[in-house]
């Protein structure tokens, strides 16, 4: 009888542990889902560009919103393409860009998120992108409307943006700023106002590293193109 009771107790304990483990796994998946889609259950807040070219800082072009603080979510509306001269290009059909907004500003930091293995190398095969904490640093120039800006990368000290592919060659893009050009356009109305962002960047510096057959070296002919729509969501 004791053996049976002990066996039942062990079975009950094991079931509880399995239940707790399953609950932990489900919670983890829920957390990952929430992190991947931060705006899933939030109210949209209008985001727009305002101002005009001026000598007065408070009147110059800037990104504004109906209320603050809020989360920014940019979703690609065309493929985003990294070009590296005649060496290769990387085509990324979908991407998200995440940031926040606490007040009117002419500078935004957006964290790029590309689905795993979604980008393709022009010479064939999938590729992965390691942001390593780097963010897109986009600015709104004191010009217009129409509104324009510049592109850059902000990276933690000692890190760079990296693109890896099946050939073993990797492209490393260091922190940089002031690259032309970005075009902005206000779209939508009311709380659904958003900002359309078009990248047509050139002059990006990068290095190629890898096995002996890779075209190693430093280059300054990198390009980046694509469009996205940047929306705002309330912070709950």
C-alpha atoms as a PDB file:
ATOM      1  CA  UNK A   1       0.000   0.000   0.000  1.00  0.00           C
ATOM      2  CA  UNK A   2       2.814   2.390   0.877  1.00  0.00           C
ATOM      3  CA  UNK A   3       4.480   1.720  -2.455  1.00  0.00           C
ATOM      4  CA  UNK A   4       1.238   2.475  -4.292  1.00  0.00           C
ATOM      5  CA  UNK A   5       0.677   5.684  -2.327  1.00  0.00           C
ATOM      6  CA  UNK A   6       4.280   6.736  -2.950  1.00  0.00           C
ATOM      7  CA  UNK A   7       3.876   5.993  -6.645  1.00  0.00           C
ATOM      8  CA  UNK A   8       0.699   8.060  -6.820  1.00  0.00           C
ATOM      9  CA  UNK A   9       2.401  10.908  -4.991  1.00  0.00           C
ATOM     10  CA  UNK A  10       5.325  10.813  -7.395  1.00  0.00           C
ATOM     11  CA  UNK A  11       2.941  10.697 -10.351  1.00  0.00           C
ATOM     12  CA  UNK A  12       1.007  13.673  -8.978  1.00  0.00           C
ATOM     13  CA  UNK A  13       4.233  15.585  -8.390  1.00  0.00           C
ATOM     14  CA  UNK A  14       5.403  14.808 -11.912  1.00  0.00           C
ATOM     15  CA  UNK A  15       2.099  15.961 -13.387  1.00  0.00           C
ATOM     16  CA  UNK A  16       2.330  19.192 -11.451  1.00  0.00           C
ATOM     17  CA  UNK A  17       5.856  19.750 -12.744  1.00  0.00           C
ATOM     18  CA  UNK A  18       4.744  19.010 -16.289  1.00  0.00           C
ATOM     19  CA  UNK A  19       1.860  21.423 -15.841  1.00  0.00           C
ATOM     20  CA  UNK A  20       4.167  24.127 -14.515  1.00  0.00           C
ATOM     21  CA  UNK A  21       6.624  23.522 -17.358  1.00  0.00           C
ATOM     22  CA  UNK A  22       3.844  23.695 -19.938  1.00  0.00           C
ATOM     23  CA  UNK A  23       2.564  26.892 -18.356  1.00  0.00           C
ATOM     24  CA  UNK A  24       6.042  28.397 -18.420  1.00  0.00           C
ATOM     25  CA  UNK A  25       6.481  27.486 -22.090  1.00  0.00           C
ATOM     26  CA  UNK A  26       3.096  28.948 -22.996  1.00  0.00           C
ATOM     27  CA  UNK A  27       3.871  32.110 -21.045  1.00  0.00           C
ATOM     28  CA  UNK A  28       7.208  32.403 -22.834  1.00  0.00           C
ATOM     29  CA  UNK A  29       5.521  32.074 -26.212  1.00  0.00           C
ATOM     30  CA  UNK A  30       2.960  34.695 -25.181  1.00  0.00           C
ATOM     31  CA  UNK A  31       5.768  37.031 -24.093  1.00  0.00           C
ATOM     32  CA  UNK A  32       7.641  36.498 -27.356  1.00  0.00           C
ATOM     33  CA  UNK A  33       4.441  37.184 -29.278  1.00  0.00           C
ATOM     34  CA  UNK A  34       3.846  40.371 -27.329  1.00  0.00           C
ATOM     35  CA  UNK A  35       7.430  41.494 -27.913  1.00  0.00           C
ATOM     36  CA  UNK A  36       7.187  40.751 -31.622  1.00  0.00           C
ATOM     37  CA  UNK A  37       3.931  42.682 -31.976  1.00  0.00           C
ATOM     38  CA  UNK A  38       4.048  45.477 -29.371  1.00  0.00           C
ATOM     39  CA  UNK A  39       1.059  47.249 -30.890  1.00  0.00           C
ATOM     40  CA  UNK A  40      -1.223  44.199 -31.075  1.00  0.00           C
ATOM     41  CA  UNK A  41      -3.634  45.308 -28.320  1.00  0.00           C
ATOM     42  CA  UNK A  42      -2.872  49.017 -28.121  1.00  0.00           C
ATOM     43  CA  UNK A  43      -4.783  52.042 -29.319  1.00  0.00           C
ATOM     44  CA  UNK A  44      -3.391  53.787 -32.370  1.00  0.00           C
ATOM     45  CA  UNK A  45      -2.277  57.382 -31.910  1.00  0.00           C
ATOM     46  CA  UNK A  46      -1.811  59.777 -34.818  1.00  0.00           C
ATOM     47  CA  UNK A  47       1.826  60.440 -35.776  1.00  0.00           C
ATOM     48  CA  UNK A  48       2.755  63.122 -38.296  1.00  0.00           C
ATOM     49  CA  UNK A  49       5.383  65.604 -39.473  1.00  0.00           C
ATOM     50  CA  UNK A  50       4.898  69.311 -38.838  1.00  0.00           C
ATOM     51  CA  UNK A  51       6.862  72.536 -39.174  1.00  0.00           C
ATOM     52  CA  UNK A  52       8.782  74.135 -42.003  1.00  0.00           C
ATOM     53  CA  UNK A  53      12.265  75.345 -42.826  1.00  0.00           C
ATOM     54  CA  UNK A  54      13.039  78.054 -40.309  1.00  0.00           C
ATOM     55  CA  UNK A  55      15.792  79.737 -38.327  1.00  0.00           C
ATOM     56  CA  UNK A  56      13.682  79.224 -35.196  1.00  0.00           C
ATOM     57  CA  UNK A  57      14.275  75.747 -33.708  1.00  0.00           C
ATOM     58  CA  UNK A  58      10.714  75.395 -32.388  1.00  0.00           C
ATOM     59  CA  UNK A  59       9.278  75.976 -35.878  1.00  0.00           C
ATOM     60  CA  UNK A  60      11.536  73.556 -37.766  1.00  0.00           C
ATOM     61  CA  UNK A  61      10.331  70.205 -39.230  1.00  0.00           C
ATOM     62  CA  UNK A  62       9.811  67.470 -36.646  1.00  0.00           C
ATOM     63  CA  UNK A  63       7.878  64.288 -35.866  1.00  0.00           C
ATOM     64  CA  UNK A  64       4.884  64.927 -33.609  1.00  0.00           C
ATOM     65  CA  UNK A  65       2.002  62.891 -32.189  1.00  0.00           C
ATOM     66  CA  UNK A  66      -1.475  63.459 -30.766  1.00  0.00           C
ATOM     67  CA  UNK A  67      -0.263  62.357 -27.325  1.00  0.00           C
ATOM     68  CA  UNK A  68       2.832  61.044 -25.545  1.00  0.00           C
ATOM     69  CA  UNK A  69       4.481  58.736 -24.683  1.00  0.00           C
ATOM     70  CA  UNK A  70       3.892  56.158 -27.374  1.00  0.00           C
ATOM     71  CA  UNK A  71       5.468  53.225 -29.162  1.00  0.00           C
ATOM     72  CA  UNK A  72       6.473  53.537 -32.794  1.00  0.00           C
ATOM     73  CA  UNK A  73       6.028  50.595 -35.143  1.00  0.00           C
ATOM     74  CA  UNK A  74       7.185  50.804 -38.734  1.00  0.00           C
ATOM     75  CA  UNK A  75       6.099  48.102 -41.179  1.00  0.00           C
ATOM     76  CA  UNK A  76       7.731  47.680 -44.558  1.00  0.00           C
ATOM     77  CA  UNK A  77       5.488  48.378 -47.552  1.00  0.00           C
ATOM     78  CA  UNK A  78       8.099  47.344 -50.132  1.00  0.00           C
ATOM     79  CA  UNK A  79      11.122  45.073 -49.941  1.00  0.00           C
ATOM     80  CA  UNK A  80      14.127  46.535 -48.164  1.00  0.00           C
ATOM     81  CA  UNK A  81      17.321  45.982 -50.148  1.00  0.00           C
ATOM     82  CA  UNK A  82      20.949  46.297 -49.064  1.00  0.00           C
ATOM     83  CA  UNK A  83      23.275  46.770 -52.031  1.00  0.00           C
ATOM     84  CA  UNK A  84      27.033  46.264 -51.969  1.00  0.00           C
ATOM     85  CA  UNK A  85      28.303  47.331 -55.383  1.00  0.00           C
ATOM     86  CA  UNK A  86      28.877  44.464 -57.798  1.00  0.00           C
ATOM     87  CA  UNK A  87      29.531  42.044 -54.947  1.00  0.00           C
ATOM     88  CA  UNK A  88      25.994  41.211 -53.816  1.00  0.00           C
ATOM     89  CA  UNK A  89      22.652  42.514 -52.638  1.00  0.00           C
ATOM     90  CA  UNK A  90      20.353  41.360 -49.862  1.00  0.00           C
ATOM     91  CA  UNK A  91      16.590  41.486 -50.452  1.00  0.00           C
ATOM     92  CA  UNK A  92      14.387  41.557 -47.345  1.00  0.00           C
ATOM     93  CA  UNK A  93      10.683  41.356 -48.291  1.00  0.00           C
ATOM     94  CA  UNK A  94       9.355  42.173 -44.815  1.00  0.00           C
ATOM     95  CA  UNK A  95      10.607  43.967 -41.740  1.00  0.00           C
ATOM     96  CA  UNK A  96       9.499  45.906 -38.660  1.00  0.00           C
ATOM     97  CA  UNK A  97      11.130  48.932 -37.070  1.00  0.00           C
ATOM     98  CA  UNK A  98      10.473  49.578 -33.378  1.00  0.00           C
ATOM     99  CA  UNK A  99      11.018  52.711 -31.319  1.00  0.00           C
ATOM    100  CA  UNK A 100       9.358  55.145 -28.944  1.00  0.00           C
ATOM    101  CA  UNK A 101       8.367  58.784 -28.879  1.00  0.00           C
ATOM    102  CA  UNK A 102       8.214  60.919 -25.731  1.00  0.00           C
ATOM    103  CA  UNK A 103       7.859  64.286 -27.432  1.00  0.00           C
ATOM    104  CA  UNK A 104       8.280  66.176 -30.690  1.00  0.00           C
ATOM    105  CA  UNK A 105      11.678  65.467 -32.220  1.00  0.00           C
ATOM    106  CA  UNK A 106      13.717  65.627 -35.405  1.00  0.00           C
ATOM    107  CA  UNK A 107      15.694  62.470 -34.508  1.00  0.00           C
ATOM    108  CA  UNK A 108      14.431  58.900 -34.194  1.00  0.00           C
ATOM    109  CA  UNK A 109      16.136  55.637 -33.237  1.00  0.00           C
ATOM    110  CA  UNK A 110      14.414  52.581 -34.707  1.00  0.00           C
ATOM    111  CA  UNK A 111      15.387  48.977 -33.992  1.00  0.00           C
ATOM    112  CA  UNK A 112      15.113  46.860 -37.174  1.00  0.00           C
ATOM    113  CA  UNK A 113      13.531  43.407 -36.901  1.00  0.00           C
ATOM    114  CA  UNK A 114      13.821  41.002 -39.847  1.00  0.00           C
ATOM    115  CA  UNK A 115      12.123  37.573 -39.695  1.00  0.00           C
ATOM    116  CA  UNK A 116      14.762  34.850 -39.373  1.00  0.00           C
ATOM    117  CA  UNK A 117      16.124  33.725 -42.770  1.00  0.00           C
ATOM    118  CA  UNK A 118      13.598  35.958 -44.575  1.00  0.00           C
ATOM    119  CA  UNK A 119      16.277  37.915 -46.453  1.00  0.00           C
ATOM    120  CA  UNK A 120      17.740  36.456 -49.633  1.00  0.00           C
ATOM    121  CA  UNK A 121      21.169  36.887 -51.186  1.00  0.00           C
ATOM    122  CA  UNK A 122      21.152  37.968 -54.841  1.00  0.00           C
ATOM    123  CA  UNK A 123      23.501  35.104 -55.726  1.00  0.00           C
ATOM    124  CA  UNK A 124      21.165  32.594 -54.091  1.00  0.00           C
ATOM    125  CA  UNK A 125      20.498  31.289 -50.593  1.00  0.00           C
ATOM    126  CA  UNK A 126      19.137  32.692 -47.369  1.00  0.00           C
ATOM    127  CA  UNK A 127      20.938  35.114 -45.116  1.00  0.00           C
ATOM    128  CA  UNK A 128      20.678  36.290 -41.545  1.00  0.00           C
ATOM    129  CA  UNK A 129      21.071  39.767 -40.099  1.00  0.00           C
ATOM    130  CA  UNK A 130      22.618  40.408 -36.685  1.00  0.00           C
ATOM    131  CA  UNK A 131      21.789  43.896 -35.497  1.00  0.00           C
ATOM    132  CA  UNK A 132      23.941  43.491 -32.348  1.00  0.00           C
ATOM    133  CA  UNK A 133      21.997  46.288 -30.686  1.00  0.00           C
ATOM    134  CA  UNK A 134      22.449  48.707 -33.605  1.00  0.00           C
ATOM    135  CA  UNK A 135      19.501  50.963 -34.426  1.00  0.00           C
ATOM    136  CA  UNK A 136      18.574  53.015 -37.456  1.00  0.00           C
ATOM    137  CA  UNK A 137      19.217  56.669 -36.655  1.00  0.00           C
ATOM    138  CA  UNK A 138      16.959  58.756 -38.899  1.00  0.00           C
ATOM    139  CA  UNK A 139      16.699  62.530 -38.876  1.00  0.00           C
ATOM    140  CA  UNK A 140      14.340  65.153 -40.263  1.00  0.00           C
ATOM    141  CA  UNK A 141      16.268  67.974 -41.916  1.00  0.00           C
ATOM    142  CA  UNK A 142      15.478  71.663 -41.524  1.00  0.00           C
ATOM    143  CA  UNK A 143      13.938  71.801 -45.002  1.00  0.00           C
ATOM    144  CA  UNK A 144      10.553  71.665 -46.699  1.00  0.00           C
ATOM    145  CA  UNK A 145       7.896  70.615 -46.748  1.00  0.00           C
ATOM    146  CA  UNK A 146       8.204  68.239 -48.572  1.00  0.00           C
ATOM    147  CA  UNK A 147      10.180  66.664 -45.742  1.00  0.00           C
ATOM    148  CA  UNK A 148      13.547  64.966 -46.127  1.00  0.00           C
ATOM    149  CA  UNK A 149      16.165  63.530 -43.807  1.00  0.00           C
ATOM    150  CA  UNK A 150      19.355  61.544 -43.364  1.00  0.00           C
ATOM    151  CA  UNK A 151      20.166  57.970 -42.397  1.00  0.00           C
ATOM    152  CA  UNK A 152      22.686  56.449 -40.023  1.00  0.00           C
ATOM    153  CA  UNK A 153      23.406  53.588 -37.631  1.00  0.00           C
ATOM    154  CA  UNK A 154      23.833  53.903 -33.871  1.00  0.00           C
ATOM    155  CA  UNK A 155      25.650  50.904 -32.386  1.00  0.00           C
ATOM    156  CA  UNK A 156      26.834  49.945 -28.904  1.00  0.00           C
ATOM    157  CA  UNK A 157      30.560  50.457 -28.436  1.00  0.00           C
ATOM    158  CA  UNK A 158      32.527  47.663 -30.070  1.00  0.00           C
ATOM    159  CA  UNK A 159      29.611  46.325 -32.146  1.00  0.00           C
ATOM    160  CA  UNK A 160      28.472  46.638 -35.758  1.00  0.00           C
ATOM    161  CA  UNK A 161      25.545  45.643 -37.969  1.00  0.00           C
ATOM    162  CA  UNK A 162      26.289  42.304 -39.664  1.00  0.00           C
ATOM    163  CA  UNK A 163      24.875  40.341 -42.593  1.00  0.00           C
ATOM    164  CA  UNK A 164      25.796  36.651 -42.853  1.00  0.00           C
ATOM    165  CA  UNK A 165      25.198  34.224 -45.697  1.00  0.00           C
ATOM    166  CA  UNK A 166      25.786  30.609 -46.667  1.00  0.00           C
ATOM    167  CA  UNK A 167      29.005  31.379 -48.571  1.00  0.00           C
ATOM    168  CA  UNK A 168      30.787  32.141 -45.314  1.00  0.00           C
ATOM    169  CA  UNK A 169      31.434  35.761 -46.293  1.00  0.00           C
ATOM    170  CA  UNK A 170      30.017  38.375 -43.923  1.00  0.00           C
ATOM    171  CA  UNK A 171      29.344  42.071 -44.427  1.00  0.00           C
ATOM    172  CA  UNK A 172      30.004  44.315 -41.436  1.00  0.00           C
ATOM    173  CA  UNK A 173      28.443  47.794 -41.349  1.00  0.00           C
ATOM    174  CA  UNK A 174      29.874  50.069 -38.635  1.00  0.00           C
ATOM    175  CA  UNK A 175      28.206  52.999 -36.913  1.00  0.00           C
ATOM    176  CA  UNK A 176      27.839  55.972 -39.251  1.00  0.00           C
ATOM    177  CA  UNK A 177      25.653  59.027 -39.822  1.00  0.00           C
ATOM    178  CA  UNK A 178      24.616  61.713 -42.278  1.00  0.00           C
ATOM    179  CA  UNK A 179      23.830  59.508 -45.280  1.00  0.00           C
ATOM    180  CA  UNK A 180      21.400  60.787 -47.925  1.00  0.00           C
ATOM    181  CA  UNK A 181      18.530  60.409 -48.345  1.00  0.00           C
ATOM    182  CA  UNK A 182      15.176  59.817 -46.712  1.00  0.00           C
ATOM    183  CA  UNK A 183      11.845  61.179 -47.961  1.00  0.00           C
ATOM    184  CA  UNK A 184       8.869  61.558 -45.599  1.00  0.00           C
ATOM    185  CA  UNK A 185       5.164  61.943 -46.323  1.00  0.00           C
ATOM    186  CA  UNK A 186       2.146  62.317 -44.029  1.00  0.00           C
ATOM    187  CA  UNK A 187      -0.617  59.805 -44.728  1.00  0.00           C
ATOM    188  CA  UNK A 188      -4.018  59.039 -43.181  1.00  0.00           C
ATOM    189  CA  UNK A 189      -6.239  61.177 -40.973  1.00  0.00           C
ATOM    190  CA  UNK A 190      -7.094  61.588 -37.292  1.00  0.00           C
ATOM    191  CA  UNK A 191      -5.789  58.874 -34.983  1.00  0.00           C
ATOM    192  CA  UNK A 192      -4.768  56.852 -38.042  1.00  0.00           C
ATOM    193  CA  UNK A 193      -2.284  59.474 -39.189  1.00  0.00           C
ATOM    194  CA  UNK A 194       1.099  57.950 -39.981  1.00  0.00           C
ATOM    195  CA  UNK A 195       4.376  58.782 -41.670  1.00  0.00           C
ATOM    196  CA  UNK A 196       5.488  57.101 -44.869  1.00  0.00           C
ATOM    197  CA  UNK A 197       9.264  56.752 -44.958  1.00  0.00           C
ATOM    198  CA  UNK A 198      11.216  56.094 -48.152  1.00  0.00           C
ATOM    199  CA  UNK A 199      14.881  55.119 -47.930  1.00  0.00           C
ATOM    200  CA  UNK A 200      17.192  55.801 -50.876  1.00  0.00           C
ATOM    201  CA  UNK A 201      20.521  55.727 -49.091  1.00  0.00           C
ATOM    202  CA  UNK A 202      23.942  55.680 -50.757  1.00  0.00           C
ATOM    203  CA  UNK A 203      27.561  56.019 -49.690  1.00  0.00           C
ATOM    204  CA  UNK A 204      27.297  53.490 -46.867  1.00  0.00           C
ATOM    205  CA  UNK A 205      30.647  52.219 -45.583  1.00  0.00           C
ATOM    206  CA  UNK A 206      31.134  48.506 -44.874  1.00  0.00           C
ATOM    207  CA  UNK A 207      33.730  45.759 -44.685  1.00  0.00           C
ATOM    208  CA  UNK A 208      33.721  42.198 -46.000  1.00  0.00           C
ATOM    209  CA  UNK A 209      35.256  39.470 -43.841  1.00  0.00           C
ATOM    210  CA  UNK A 210      35.459  35.704 -44.084  1.00  0.00           C
ATOM    211  CA  UNK A 211      37.412  32.881 -45.765  1.00  0.00           C
ATOM    212  CA  UNK A 212      40.184  33.532 -48.301  1.00  0.00           C
ATOM    213  CA  UNK A 213      37.829  33.516 -51.292  1.00  0.00           C
ATOM    214  CA  UNK A 214      35.772  36.450 -49.958  1.00  0.00           C
ATOM    215  CA  UNK A 215      36.490  39.883 -51.528  1.00  0.00           C
ATOM    216  CA  UNK A 216      37.829  41.206 -48.232  1.00  0.00           C
ATOM    217  CA  UNK A 217      38.273  44.899 -47.734  1.00  0.00           C
ATOM    218  CA  UNK A 218      36.599  48.177 -46.831  1.00  0.00           C
ATOM    219  CA  UNK A 219      34.120  49.782 -49.209  1.00  0.00           C
ATOM    220  CA  UNK A 220      32.062  52.987 -49.406  1.00  0.00           C
ATOM    221  CA  UNK A 221      29.500  52.138 -52.084  1.00  0.00           C
ATOM    222  CA  UNK A 222      26.788  50.534 -49.941  1.00  0.00           C
ATOM    223  CA  UNK A 223      23.136  51.372 -50.626  1.00  0.00           C
ATOM    224  CA  UNK A 224      19.879  50.829 -48.783  1.00  0.00           C
ATOM    225  CA  UNK A 225      16.408  51.217 -50.305  1.00  0.00           C
ATOM    226  CA  UNK A 226      12.833  50.480 -49.251  1.00  0.00           C
ATOM    227  CA  UNK A 227       9.696  52.041 -47.810  1.00  0.00           C
ATOM    228  CA  UNK A 228       7.766  51.682 -44.570  1.00  0.00           C
ATOM    229  CA  UNK A 229       4.808  53.223 -42.790  1.00  0.00           C
ATOM    230  CA  UNK A 230       5.512  54.452 -39.261  1.00  0.00           C
ATOM    231  CA  UNK A 231       2.575  54.370 -36.830  1.00  0.00           C
ATOM    232  CA  UNK A 232       2.182  55.254 -33.166  1.00  0.00           C
ATOM    233  CA  UNK A 233       0.465  53.289 -30.374  1.00  0.00           C
ATOM    234  CA  UNK A 234      -0.407  54.304 -26.838  1.00  0.00           C
ATOM    235  CA  UNK A 235       1.704  53.006 -23.978  1.00  0.00           C
ATOM    236  CA  UNK A 236      -0.523  51.170 -21.509  1.00  0.00           C
END
